[in-house]
Amino acid sequence: MENKKVIMVGAIESPREEEKYNKWYNEVHGPMLLKFKGLLQIDRYKILTANPDQPRYFNIMTFASQQDMEAYATSPERMAALEEVKKSWPEGPAKVTFSGKYGLIKSLKK
């Protein structure tokens, strides 16, 4: 099996305490997740034009391979980050409205 990059995506409704959430994700949660070696990057996007029919945030986590993404699910790094979420956000930071896992077909670059 070829080792191609894979992504895990998540669409998120407006988080509780948006400014606090973004600071926490960028400075605490994201860096904790990135301690997992096979997680190459996390890209976070915010909708440009508010639309009640679309989630406000979209996260893309890029893994080196499908094997890395599968190992991430039960990794100590992810488990530690989930425990930290429970402490920082007992009611949960935001509602995920969609999530999925995708494998790379082809990269087209300029």
PDB file of N, CA and C in Angstrom:
ATOM      1  N   MET A   1       0.842  -1.187   0.000  1.00  0.00           N
ATOM      2  CA  MET A   1       0.000   0.000   0.000  1.00  0.00           C
ATOM      3  C   MET A   1       0.883   1.243   0.000  1.00  0.00           C
ATOM      4  N   GLU A   2       0.534   2.159  -0.871  1.00  0.00           N
ATOM      5  CA  GLU A   2       1.280   3.401  -0.993  1.00  0.00           C
ATOM      6  C   GLU A   2       0.961   4.333   0.176  1.00  0.00           C
ATOM      7  N   ASN A   3       1.976   5.005   0.697  1.00  0.00           N
ATOM      8  CA  ASN A   3       1.766   5.981   1.773  1.00  0.00           C
ATOM      9  C   ASN A   3       1.453   7.340   1.167  1.00  0.00           C
ATOM     10  N   LYS A   4       0.171   7.644   1.094  1.00  0.00           N
ATOM     11  CA  LYS A   4      -0.272   8.944   0.610  1.00  0.00           C
ATOM     12  C   LYS A   4      -0.884   9.701   1.773  1.00  0.00           C
ATOM     13  N   LYS A   5      -0.792  11.020   1.696  1.00  0.00           N
ATOM     14  CA  LYS A   5      -1.401  11.843   2.729  1.00  0.00           C
ATOM     15  C   LYS A   5      -2.909  11.608   2.765  1.00  0.00           C
ATOM     16  N   VAL A   6      -3.463  11.706   3.967  1.00  0.00           N
ATOM     17  CA  VAL A   6      -4.906  11.628   4.163  1.00  0.00           C
ATOM     18  C   VAL A   6      -5.314  12.792   5.056  1.00  0.00           C
ATOM     19  N   ILE A   7      -6.592  13.166   4.962  1.00  0.00           N
ATOM     20  CA  ILE A   7      -7.081  14.252   5.804  1.00  0.00           C
ATOM     21  C   ILE A   7      -8.296  13.807   6.607  1.00  0.00           C
ATOM     22  N   MET A   8      -8.438  14.445   7.750  1.00  0.00           N
ATOM     23  CA  MET A   8      -9.619  14.307   8.578  1.00  0.00           C
ATOM     24  C   MET A   8     -10.189  15.715   8.673  1.00  0.00           C
ATOM     25  N   VAL A   9     -11.464  15.855   8.325  1.00  0.00           N
ATOM     26  CA  VAL A   9     -12.078  17.180   8.334  1.00  0.00           C
ATOM     27  C   VAL A   9     -13.192  17.239   9.368  1.00  0.00           C
ATOM     28  N   GLY A  10     -13.440  18.429   9.846  1.00  0.00           N
ATOM     29  CA  GLY A  10     -14.526  18.646  10.794  1.00  0.00           C
ATOM     30  C   GLY A  10     -15.143  20.013  10.589  1.00  0.00           C
ATOM     31  N   ALA A  11     -16.460  20.051  10.479  1.00  0.00           N
ATOM     32  CA  ALA A  11     -17.191  21.309  10.377  1.00  0.00           C
ATOM     33  C   ALA A  11     -17.777  21.604  11.751  1.00  0.00           C
ATOM     34  N   ILE A  12     -17.603  22.841  12.202  1.00  0.00           N
ATOM     35  CA  ILE A  12     -17.956  23.211  13.571  1.00  0.00           C
ATOM     36  C   ILE A  12     -18.869  24.423  13.570  1.00  0.00           C
ATOM     37  N   GLU A  13     -19.959  24.315  14.330  1.00  0.00           N
ATOM     38  CA  GLU A  13     -20.844  25.465  14.514  1.00  0.00           C
ATOM     39  C   GLU A  13     -20.119  26.512  15.344  1.00  0.00           C
ATOM     40  N   SER A  14     -20.725  27.653  15.496  1.00  0.00           N
ATOM     41  CA  SER A  14     -20.111  28.701  16.318  1.00  0.00           C
ATOM     42  C   SER A  14     -19.778  28.148  17.695  1.00  0.00           C
ATOM     43  N   PRO A  15     -18.524  28.235  18.077  1.00  0.00           N
ATOM     44  CA  PRO A  15     -18.148  27.728  19.403  1.00  0.00           C
ATOM     45  C   PRO A  15     -18.643  28.653  20.511  1.00  0.00           C
ATOM     46  N   ARG A  16     -18.769  28.077  21.693  1.00  0.00           N
ATOM     47  CA  ARG A  16     -19.080  28.890  22.867  1.00  0.00           C
ATOM     48  C   ARG A  16     -17.887  29.834  23.086  1.00  0.00           C
ATOM     49  N   GLU A  17     -18.137  31.046  23.498  1.00  0.00           N
ATOM     50  CA  GLU A  17     -17.056  31.998  23.788  1.00  0.00           C
ATOM     51  C   GLU A  17     -15.999  31.952  22.680  1.00  0.00           C
ATOM     52  N   GLU A  18     -16.391  32.409  21.512  1.00  0.00           N
ATOM     53  CA  GLU A  18     -15.595  32.266  20.297  1.00  0.00           C
ATOM     54  C   GLU A  18     -14.139  32.718  20.424  1.00  0.00           C
ATOM     55  N   GLU A  19     -13.906  33.889  20.973  1.00  0.00           N
ATOM     56  CA  GLU A  19     -12.529  34.387  21.103  1.00  0.00           C
ATOM     57  C   GLU A  19     -11.712  33.473  22.013  1.00  0.00           C
ATOM     58  N   LYS A  20     -12.294  33.081  23.138  1.00  0.00           N
ATOM     59  CA  LYS A  20     -11.623  32.185  24.074  1.00  0.00           C
ATOM     60  C   LYS A  20     -11.351  30.824  23.412  1.00  0.00           C
ATOM     61  N   TYR A  21     -12.332  30.340  22.651  1.00  0.00           N
ATOM     62  CA  TYR A  21     -12.190  29.056  21.958  1.00  0.00           C
ATOM     63  C   TYR A  21     -11.022  29.096  20.967  1.00  0.00           C
ATOM     64  N   ASN A  22     -10.965  30.133  20.149  1.00  0.00           N
ATOM     65  CA  ASN A  22      -9.897  30.221  19.154  1.00  0.00           C
ATOM     66  C   ASN A  22      -8.522  30.320  19.797  1.00  0.00           C
ATOM     67  N   LYS A  23      -8.409  31.096  20.857  1.00  0.00           N
ATOM     68  CA  LYS A  23      -7.141  31.211  21.576  1.00  0.00           C
ATOM     69  C   LYS A  23      -6.744  29.845  22.145  1.00  0.00           C
ATOM     70  N   TRP A  24      -7.710  29.167  22.775  1.00  0.00           N
ATOM     71  CA  TRP A  24      -7.454  27.844  23.352  1.00  0.00           C
ATOM     72  C   TRP A  24      -7.059  26.846  22.270  1.00  0.00           C
ATOM     73  N   TYR A  25      -7.788  26.806  21.156  1.00  0.00           N
ATOM     74  CA  TYR A  25      -7.480  25.834  20.104  1.00  0.00           C
ATOM     75  C   TYR A  25      -6.082  26.083  19.542  1.00  0.00           C
ATOM     76  N   ASN A  26      -5.782  27.355  19.265  1.00  0.00           N
ATOM     77  CA  ASN A  26      -4.498  27.689  18.650  1.00  0.00           C
ATOM     78  C   ASN A  26      -3.306  27.529  19.588  1.00  0.00           C
ATOM     79  N   GLU A  27      -3.503  27.778  20.876  1.00  0.00           N
ATOM     80  CA  GLU A  27      -2.378  27.776  21.816  1.00  0.00           C
ATOM     81  C   GLU A  27      -2.285  26.529  22.694  1.00  0.00           C
ATOM     82  N   VAL A  28      -3.398  25.812  22.851  1.00  0.00           N
ATOM     83  CA  VAL A  28      -3.383  24.646  23.739  1.00  0.00           C
ATOM     84  C   VAL A  28      -3.738  23.364  22.972  1.00  0.00           C
ATOM     85  N   HIS A  29      -4.956  23.295  22.463  1.00  0.00           N
ATOM     86  CA  HIS A  29      -5.458  22.055  21.868  1.00  0.00           C
ATOM     87  C   HIS A  29      -4.672  21.634  20.623  1.00  0.00           C
ATOM     88  N   GLY A  30      -4.557  22.542  19.662  1.00  0.00           N
ATOM     89  CA  GLY A  30      -3.821  22.215  18.440  1.00  0.00           C
ATOM     90  C   GLY A  30      -2.399  21.758  18.704  1.00  0.00           C
ATOM     91  N   PRO A  31      -1.620  22.515  19.486  1.00  0.00           N
ATOM     92  CA  PRO A  31      -0.254  22.071  19.778  1.00  0.00           C
ATOM     93  C   PRO A  31      -0.195  20.703  20.481  1.00  0.00           C
ATOM     94  N   MET A  32      -1.178  20.412  21.329  1.00  0.00           N
ATOM     95  CA  MET A  32      -1.200  19.085  21.966  1.00  0.00           C
ATOM     96  C   MET A  32      -1.396  17.990  20.919  1.00  0.00           C
ATOM     97  N   LEU A  33      -2.317  18.216  19.978  1.00  0.00           N
ATOM     98  CA  LEU A  33      -2.569  17.227  18.925  1.00  0.00           C
ATOM     99  C   LEU A  33      -1.358  17.063  18.021  1.00  0.00           C
ATOM    100  N   LEU A  34      -0.669  18.152  17.733  1.00  0.00           N
ATOM    101  CA  LEU A  34       0.485  18.103  16.836  1.00  0.00           C
ATOM    102  C   LEU A  34       1.694  17.382  17.431  1.00  0.00           C
ATOM    103  N   LYS A  35       1.624  17.023  18.684  1.00  0.00           N
ATOM    104  CA  LYS A  35       2.691  16.208  19.269  1.00  0.00           C
ATOM    105  C   LYS A  35       2.705  14.809  18.653  1.00  0.00           C
ATOM    106  N   PHE A  36       1.584  14.388  18.073  1.00  0.00           N
ATOM    107  CA  PHE A  36       1.536  13.092  17.385  1.00  0.00           C
ATOM    108  C   PHE A  36       2.346  13.205  16.098  1.00  0.00           C
ATOM    109  N   LYS A  37       3.354  12.377  15.974  1.00  0.00           N
ATOM    110  CA  LYS A  37       4.328  12.485  14.881  1.00  0.00           C
ATOM    111  C   LYS A  37       3.693  12.430  13.489  1.00  0.00           C
ATOM    112  N   GLY A  38       2.702  11.600  13.275  1.00  0.00           N
ATOM    113  CA  GLY A  38       2.114  11.423  11.945  1.00  0.00           C
ATOM    114  C   GLY A  38       1.125  12.497  11.541  1.00  0.00           C
ATOM    115  N   LEU A  39       0.779  13.396  12.465  1.00  0.00           N
ATOM    116  CA  LEU A  39      -0.094  14.522  12.143  1.00  0.00           C
ATOM    117  C   LEU A  39       0.793  15.657  11.652  1.00  0.00           C
ATOM    118  N   LEU A  40       0.702  15.957  10.370  1.00  0.00           N
ATOM    119  CA  LEU A  40       1.606  16.918   9.753  1.00  0.00           C
ATOM    120  C   LEU A  40       1.195  18.366   9.991  1.00  0.00           C
ATOM    121  N   GLN A  41      -0.117  18.641   9.940  1.00  0.00           N
ATOM    122  CA  GLN A  41      -0.578  20.005  10.133  1.00  0.00           C
ATOM    123  C   GLN A  41      -2.068  20.032  10.407  1.00  0.00           C
ATOM    124  N   ILE A  42      -2.496  21.135  10.991  1.00  0.00           N
ATOM    125  CA  ILE A  42      -3.915  21.410  11.209  1.00  0.00           C
ATOM    126  C   ILE A  42      -4.183  22.764  10.578  1.00  0.00           C
ATOM    127  N   ASP A  43      -5.122  22.786   9.643  1.00  0.00           N
ATOM    128  CA  ASP A  43      -5.537  24.044   9.031  1.00  0.00           C
ATOM    129  C   ASP A  43      -6.943  24.353   9.520  1.00  0.00           C
ATOM    130  N   ARG A  44      -7.140  25.574  10.006  1.00  0.00           N
ATOM    131  CA  ARG A  44      -8.435  26.010  10.527  1.00  0.00           C
ATOM    132  C   ARG A  44      -8.951  27.142   9.665  1.00  0.00           C
ATOM    133  N   TYR A  45     -10.200  27.027   9.278  1.00  0.00           N
ATOM    134  CA  TYR A  45     -10.828  28.041   8.439  1.00  0.00           C
ATOM    135  C   TYR A  45     -12.092  28.556   9.108  1.00  0.00           C
ATOM    136  N   LYS A  46     -12.404  29.823   8.831  1.00  0.00           N
ATOM    137  CA  LYS A  46     -13.634  30.446   9.317  1.00  0.00           C
ATOM    138  C   LYS A  46     -14.388  30.957   8.097  1.00  0.00           C
ATOM    139  N   ILE A  47     -15.694  30.773   8.089  1.00  0.00           N
ATOM    140  CA  ILE A  47     -16.510  31.186   6.956  1.00  0.00           C
ATOM    141  C   ILE A  47     -16.337  32.685   6.705  1.00  0.00           C
ATOM    142  N   LEU A  48     -16.290  33.057   5.445  1.00  0.00           N
ATOM    143  CA  LEU A  48     -16.084  34.460   5.090  1.00  0.00           C
ATOM    144  C   LEU A  48     -17.367  35.273   5.188  1.00  0.00           C
ATOM    145  N   THR A  49     -18.471  34.678   4.784  1.00  0.00           N
ATOM    146  CA  THR A  49     -19.764  35.350   4.848  1.00  0.00           C
ATOM    147  C   THR A  49     -20.702  34.478   5.674  1.00  0.00           C
ATOM    148  N   ALA A  50     -21.140  35.004   6.796  1.00  0.00           N
ATOM    149  CA  ALA A  50     -21.995  34.227   7.696  1.00  0.00           C
ATOM    150  C   ALA A  50     -23.231  33.704   6.975  1.00  0.00           C
ATOM    151  N   ASN A  51     -23.535  32.441   7.203  1.00  0.00           N
ATOM    152  CA  ASN A  51     -24.701  31.796   6.604  1.00  0.00           C
ATOM    153  C   ASN A  51     -25.222  30.792   7.624  1.00  0.00           C
ATOM    154  N   PRO A  52     -26.460  30.940   8.070  1.00  0.00           N
ATOM    155  CA  PRO A  52     -26.984  30.034   9.100  1.00  0.00           C
ATOM    156  C   PRO A  52     -27.088  28.575   8.649  1.00  0.00           C
ATOM    157  N   ASP A  53     -27.011  28.334   7.333  1.00  0.00           N
ATOM    158  CA  ASP A  53     -27.099  26.965   6.816  1.00  0.00           C
ATOM    159  C   ASP A  53     -25.734  26.286   6.693  1.00  0.00           C
ATOM    160  N   GLN A  54     -24.676  27.011   7.034  1.00  0.00           N
ATOM    161  CA  GLN A  54     -23.339  26.444   6.909  1.00  0.00           C
ATOM    162  C   GLN A  54     -22.579  26.603   8.218  1.00  0.00           C
ATOM    163  N   PRO A  55     -21.747  25.604   8.559  1.00  0.00           N
ATOM    164  CA  PRO A  55     -20.956  25.728   9.792  1.00  0.00           C
ATOM    165  C   PRO A  55     -19.978  26.888   9.692  1.00  0.00           C
ATOM    166  N   ARG A  56     -19.707  27.466  10.828  1.00  0.00           N
ATOM    167  CA  ARG A  56     -18.850  28.663  10.870  1.00  0.00           C
ATOM    168  C   ARG A  56     -17.362  28.336  10.713  1.00  0.00           C
ATOM    169  N   TYR A  57     -16.947  27.175  11.201  1.00  0.00           N
ATOM    170  CA  TYR A  57     -15.533  26.782  11.159  1.00  0.00           C
ATOM    171  C   TYR A  57     -15.368  25.450  10.448  1.00  0.00           C
ATOM    172  N   PHE A  58     -14.200  25.276   9.850  1.00  0.00           N
ATOM    173  CA  PHE A  58     -13.866  24.035   9.158  1.00  0.00           C
ATOM    174  C   PHE A  58     -12.402  23.744   9.453  1.00  0.00           C
ATOM    175  N   ASN A  59     -12.134  22.581  10.001  1.00  0.00           N
ATOM    176  CA  ASN A  59     -10.762  22.170  10.334  1.00  0.00           C
ATOM    177  C   ASN A  59     -10.329  21.049   9.402  1.00  0.00           C
ATOM    178  N   ILE A  60      -9.080  21.096   8.977  1.00  0.00           N
ATOM    179  CA  ILE A  60      -8.501  20.033   8.168  1.00  0.00           C
ATOM    180  C   ILE A  60      -7.222  19.574   8.855  1.00  0.00           C
ATOM    181  N   MET A  61      -7.187  18.305   9.214  1.00  0.00           N
ATOM    182  CA  MET A  61      -5.995  17.713   9.825  1.00  0.00           C
ATOM    183  C   MET A  61      -5.346  16.814   8.778  1.00  0.00           C
ATOM    184  N   THR A  62      -4.083  17.060   8.471  1.00  0.00           N
ATOM    185  CA  THR A  62      -3.375  16.297   7.446  1.00  0.00           C
ATOM    186  C   THR A  62      -2.418  15.309   8.101  1.00  0.00           C
ATOM    187  N   PHE A  63      -2.561  14.045   7.705  1.00  0.00           N
ATOM    188  CA  PHE A  63      -1.709  12.967   8.222  1.00  0.00           C
ATOM    189  C   PHE A  63      -0.803  12.452   7.120  1.00  0.00           C
ATOM    190  N   ALA A  64       0.354  11.933   7.500  1.00  0.00           N
ATOM    191  CA  ALA A  64       1.333  11.426   6.543  1.00  0.00           C
ATOM    192  C   ALA A  64       0.799  10.215   5.782  1.00  0.00           C
ATOM    193  N   SER A  65      -0.062   9.414   6.424  1.00  0.00           N
ATOM    194  CA  SER A  65      -0.583   8.197   5.797  1.00  0.00           C
ATOM    195  C   SER A  65      -1.857   7.755   6.508  1.00  0.00           C
ATOM    196  N   GLN A  66      -2.569   6.835   5.880  1.00  0.00           N
ATOM    197  CA  GLN A  66      -3.765   6.284   6.512  1.00  0.00           C
ATOM    198  C   GLN A  66      -3.395   5.543   7.801  1.00  0.00           C
ATOM    199  N   GLN A  67      -2.264   4.882   7.798  1.00  0.00           N
ATOM    200  CA  GLN A  67      -1.805   4.179   9.003  1.00  0.00           C
ATOM    201  C   GLN A  67      -1.597   5.160  10.149  1.00  0.00           C
ATOM    202  N   ASP A  68      -1.032   6.314   9.853  1.00  0.00           N
ATOM    203  CA  ASP A  68      -0.833   7.335  10.889  1.00  0.00           C
ATOM    204  C   ASP A  68      -2.175   7.839  11.412  1.00  0.00           C
ATOM    205  N   MET A  69      -3.124   8.061  10.503  1.00  0.00           N
ATOM    206  CA  MET A  69      -4.431   8.542  10.935  1.00  0.00           C
ATOM    207  C   MET A  69      -5.114   7.502  11.824  1.00  0.00           C
ATOM    208  N   GLU A  70      -5.005   6.253  11.478  1.00  0.00           N
ATOM    209  CA  GLU A  70      -5.603   5.186  12.286  1.00  0.00           C
ATOM    210  C   GLU A  70      -4.929   5.086  13.653  1.00  0.00           C
ATOM    211  N   ALA A  71      -3.614   5.217  13.696  1.00  0.00           N
ATOM    212  CA  ALA A  71      -2.877   5.160  14.964  1.00  0.00           C
ATOM    213  C   ALA A  71      -3.203   6.366  15.845  1.00  0.00           C
ATOM    214  N   TYR A  72      -3.459   7.495  15.229  1.00  0.00           N
ATOM    215  CA  TYR A  72      -3.797   8.720  15.954  1.00  0.00           C
ATOM    216  C   TYR A  72      -5.037   8.539  16.828  1.00  0.00           C
ATOM    217  N   ALA A  73      -6.008   7.782  16.337  1.00  0.00           N
ATOM    218  CA  ALA A  73      -7.288   7.616  17.043  1.00  0.00           C
ATOM    219  C   ALA A  73      -7.122   7.165  18.488  1.00  0.00           C
ATOM    220  N   THR A  74      -6.135   6.339  18.756  1.00  0.00           N
ATOM    221  CA  THR A  74      -5.923   5.823  20.116  1.00  0.00           C
ATOM    222  C   THR A  74      -4.571   6.242  20.698  1.00  0.00           C
ATOM    223  N   SER A  75      -3.960   7.230  20.095  1.00  0.00           N
ATOM    224  CA  SER A  75      -2.627   7.651  20.530  1.00  0.00           C
ATOM    225  C   SER A  75      -2.665   8.342  21.892  1.00  0.00           C
ATOM    226  N   PRO A  76      -1.575   8.262  22.653  1.00  0.00           N
ATOM    227  CA  PRO A  76      -1.490   8.972  23.928  1.00  0.00           C
ATOM    228  C   PRO A  76      -1.644  10.485  23.756  1.00  0.00           C
ATOM    229  N   GLU A  77      -1.151  11.011  22.640  1.00  0.00           N
ATOM    230  CA  GLU A  77      -1.260  12.450  22.394  1.00  0.00           C
ATOM    231  C   GLU A  77      -2.723  12.877  22.254  1.00  0.00           C
ATOM    232  N   ARG A  78      -3.487  12.120  21.502  1.00  0.00           N
ATOM    233  CA  ARG A  78      -4.912  12.447  21.332  1.00  0.00           C
ATOM    234  C   ARG A  78      -5.665  12.254  22.641  1.00  0.00           C
ATOM    235  N   MET A  79      -5.378  11.183  23.368  1.00  0.00           N
ATOM    236  CA  MET A  79      -6.056  10.922  24.638  1.00  0.00           C
ATOM    237  C   MET A  79      -5.784  12.057  25.638  1.00  0.00           C
ATOM    238  N   ALA A  80      -4.539  12.531  25.676  1.00  0.00           N
ATOM    239  CA  ALA A  80      -4.202  13.643  26.577  1.00  0.00           C
ATOM    240  C   ALA A  80      -4.961  14.903  26.176  1.00  0.00           C
ATOM    241  N   ALA A  81      -5.061  15.157  24.871  1.00  0.00           N
ATOM    242  CA  ALA A  81      -5.786  16.343  24.398  1.00  0.00           C
ATOM    243  C   ALA A  81      -7.272  16.242  24.737  1.00  0.00           C
ATOM    244  N   LEU A  82      -7.858  15.061  24.624  1.00  0.00           N
ATOM    245  CA  LEU A  82      -9.275  14.876  24.962  1.00  0.00           C
ATOM    246  C   LEU A  82      -9.519  15.077  26.457  1.00  0.00           C
ATOM    247  N   GLU A  83      -8.595  14.625  27.288  1.00  0.00           N
ATOM    248  CA  GLU A  83      -8.725  14.849  28.735  1.00  0.00           C
ATOM    249  C   GLU A  83      -8.648  16.336  29.056  1.00  0.00           C
ATOM    250  N   GLU A  84      -7.765  17.034  28.354  1.00  0.00           N
ATOM    251  CA  GLU A  84      -7.630  18.470  28.572  1.00  0.00           C
ATOM    252  C   GLU A  84      -8.909  19.200  28.150  1.00  0.00           C
ATOM    253  N   VAL A  85      -9.559  18.751  27.070  1.00  0.00           N
ATOM    254  CA  VAL A  85     -10.822  19.354  26.624  1.00  0.00           C
ATOM    255  C   VAL A  85     -11.855  19.276  27.750  1.00  0.00           C
ATOM    256  N   LYS A  86     -11.940  18.125  28.400  1.00  0.00           N
ATOM    257  CA  LYS A  86     -12.913  17.937  29.489  1.00  0.00           C
ATOM    258  C   LYS A  86     -12.672  18.910  30.638  1.00  0.00           C
ATOM    259  N   LYS A  87     -11.409  19.226  30.891  1.00  0.00           N
ATOM    260  CA  LYS A  87     -11.077  20.161  31.968  1.00  0.00           C
ATOM    261  C   LYS A  87     -11.352  21.603  31.561  1.00  0.00           C
ATOM    262  N   SER A  88     -10.967  21.974  30.341  1.00  0.00           N
ATOM    263  CA  SER A  88     -11.131  23.357  29.885  1.00  0.00           C
ATOM    264  C   SER A  88     -12.569  23.683  29.474  1.00  0.00           C
ATOM    265  N   TRP A  89     -13.282  22.707  28.965  1.00  0.00           N
ATOM    266  CA  TRP A  89     -14.634  22.907  28.432  1.00  0.00           C
ATOM    267  C   TRP A  89     -15.551  21.783  28.912  1.00  0.00           C
ATOM    268  N   PRO A  90     -15.962  21.762  30.181  1.00  0.00           N
ATOM    269  CA  PRO A  90     -16.801  20.673  30.702  1.00  0.00           C
ATOM    270  C   PRO A  90     -18.078  20.431  29.895  1.00  0.00           C
ATOM    271  N   GLU A  91     -18.640  21.487  29.308  1.00  0.00           N
ATOM    272  CA  GLU A  91     -19.857  21.327  28.504  1.00  0.00           C
ATOM    273  C   GLU A  91     -19.538  21.130  27.020  1.00  0.00           C
ATOM    274  N   GLY A  92     -18.285  21.046  26.686  1.00  0.00           N
ATOM    275  CA  GLY A  92     -17.871  20.926  25.294  1.00  0.00           C
ATOM    276  C   GLY A  92     -17.639  22.295  24.684  1.00  0.00           C
ATOM    277  N   PRO A  93     -16.597  22.434  23.865  1.00  0.00           N
ATOM    278  CA  PRO A  93     -16.271  23.739  23.302  1.00  0.00           C
ATOM    279  C   PRO A  93     -17.160  24.161  22.135  1.00  0.00           C
ATOM    280  N   ALA A  94     -17.625  23.192  21.345  1.00  0.00           N
ATOM    281  CA  ALA A  94     -18.411  23.498  20.149  1.00  0.00           C
ATOM    282  C   ALA A  94     -19.042  22.204  19.645  1.00  0.00           C
ATOM    283  N   LYS A  95     -20.029  22.350  18.784  1.00  0.00           N
ATOM    284  CA  LYS A  95     -20.694  21.188  18.207  1.00  0.00           C
ATOM    285  C   LYS A  95     -20.129  20.911  16.817  1.00  0.00           C
ATOM    286  N   VAL A  96     -19.668  19.687  16.608  1.00  0.00           N
ATOM    287  CA  VAL A  96     -19.191  19.272  15.293  1.00  0.00           C
ATOM    288  C   VAL A  96     -20.420  18.846  14.486  1.00  0.00           C
ATOM    289  N   THR A  97     -20.639  19.485  13.344  1.00  0.00           N
ATOM    290  CA  THR A  97     -21.813  19.179  12.533  1.00  0.00           C
ATOM    291  C   THR A  97     -21.517  18.191  11.413  1.00  0.00           C
ATOM    292  N   PHE A  98     -20.241  18.025  11.091  1.00  0.00           N
ATOM    293  CA  PHE A  98     -19.832  17.080  10.056  1.00  0.00           C
ATOM    294  C   PHE A  98     -18.389  16.712  10.296  1.00  0.00           C
ATOM    295  N   SER A  99     -18.053  15.461  10.067  1.00  0.00           N
ATOM    296  CA  SER A  99     -16.650  15.060  10.076  1.00  0.00           C
ATOM    297  C   SER A  99     -16.478  13.930   9.065  1.00  0.00           C
ATOM    298  N   GLY A 100     -15.277  13.800   8.556  1.00  0.00           N
ATOM    299  CA  GLY A 100     -15.005  12.745   7.592  1.00  0.00           C
ATOM    300  C   GLY A 100     -13.522  12.548   7.402  1.00  0.00           C
ATOM    301  N   LYS A 101     -13.184  11.424   6.772  1.00  0.00           N
ATOM    302  CA  LYS A 101     -11.794  11.074   6.490  1.00  0.00           C
ATOM    303  C   LYS A 101     -11.662  10.851   4.986  1.00  0.00           C
ATOM    304  N   TYR A 102     -10.623  11.438   4.408  1.00  0.00           N
ATOM    305  CA  TYR A 102     -10.456  11.392   2.960  1.00  0.00           C
ATOM    306  C   TYR A 102      -9.027  11.068   2.587  1.00  0.00           C
ATOM    307  N   GLY A 103      -8.868  10.258   1.538  1.00  0.00           N
ATOM    308  CA  GLY A 103      -7.551   9.936   1.011  1.00  0.00           C
ATOM    309  C   GLY A 103      -7.250  10.754  -0.227  1.00  0.00           C
ATOM    310  N   LEU A 104      -5.999  11.097  -0.390  1.00  0.00           N
ATOM    311  CA  LEU A 104      -5.545  11.906  -1.513  1.00  0.00           C
ATOM    312  C   LEU A 104      -5.669  11.118  -2.816  1.00  0.00           C
ATOM    313  N   ILE A 105      -6.296  11.743  -3.808  1.00  0.00           N
ATOM    314  CA  ILE A 105      -6.340  11.150  -5.150  1.00  0.00           C
ATOM    315  C   ILE A 105      -5.144  11.654  -5.945  1.00  0.00           C
ATOM    316  N   LYS A 106      -5.005  12.971  -5.998  1.00  0.00           N
ATOM    317  CA  LYS A 106      -3.924  13.595  -6.749  1.00  0.00           C
ATOM    318  C   LYS A 106      -3.796  15.032  -6.319  1.00  0.00           C
ATOM    319  N   SER A 107      -2.592  15.543  -6.234  1.00  0.00           N
ATOM    320  CA  SER A 107      -2.348  16.966  -5.984  1.00  0.00           C
ATOM    321  C   SER A 107      -2.050  17.636  -7.306  1.00  0.00           C
ATOM    322  N   LEU A 108      -2.804  18.664  -7.617  1.00  0.00           N
ATOM    323  CA  LEU A 108      -2.533  19.457  -8.808  1.00  0.00           C
ATOM    324  C   LEU A 108      -1.957  20.793  -8.336  1.00  0.00           C
ATOM    325  N   LYS A 109      -0.777  21.101  -8.825  1.00  0.00           N
ATOM    326  CA  LYS A 109      -0.105  22.319  -8.367  1.00  0.00           C
ATOM    327  C   LYS A 109       0.322  23.141  -9.564  1.00  0.00           C
ATOM    328  N   LYS A 110       0.414  24.423  -9.331  1.00  0.00           N
ATOM    329  CA  LYS A 110       0.830  25.350 -10.364  1.00  0.00           C
ATOM    330  C   LYS A 110       2.318  25.310 -10.530  1.00  0.00           C
TER     331      LYS A 110
END
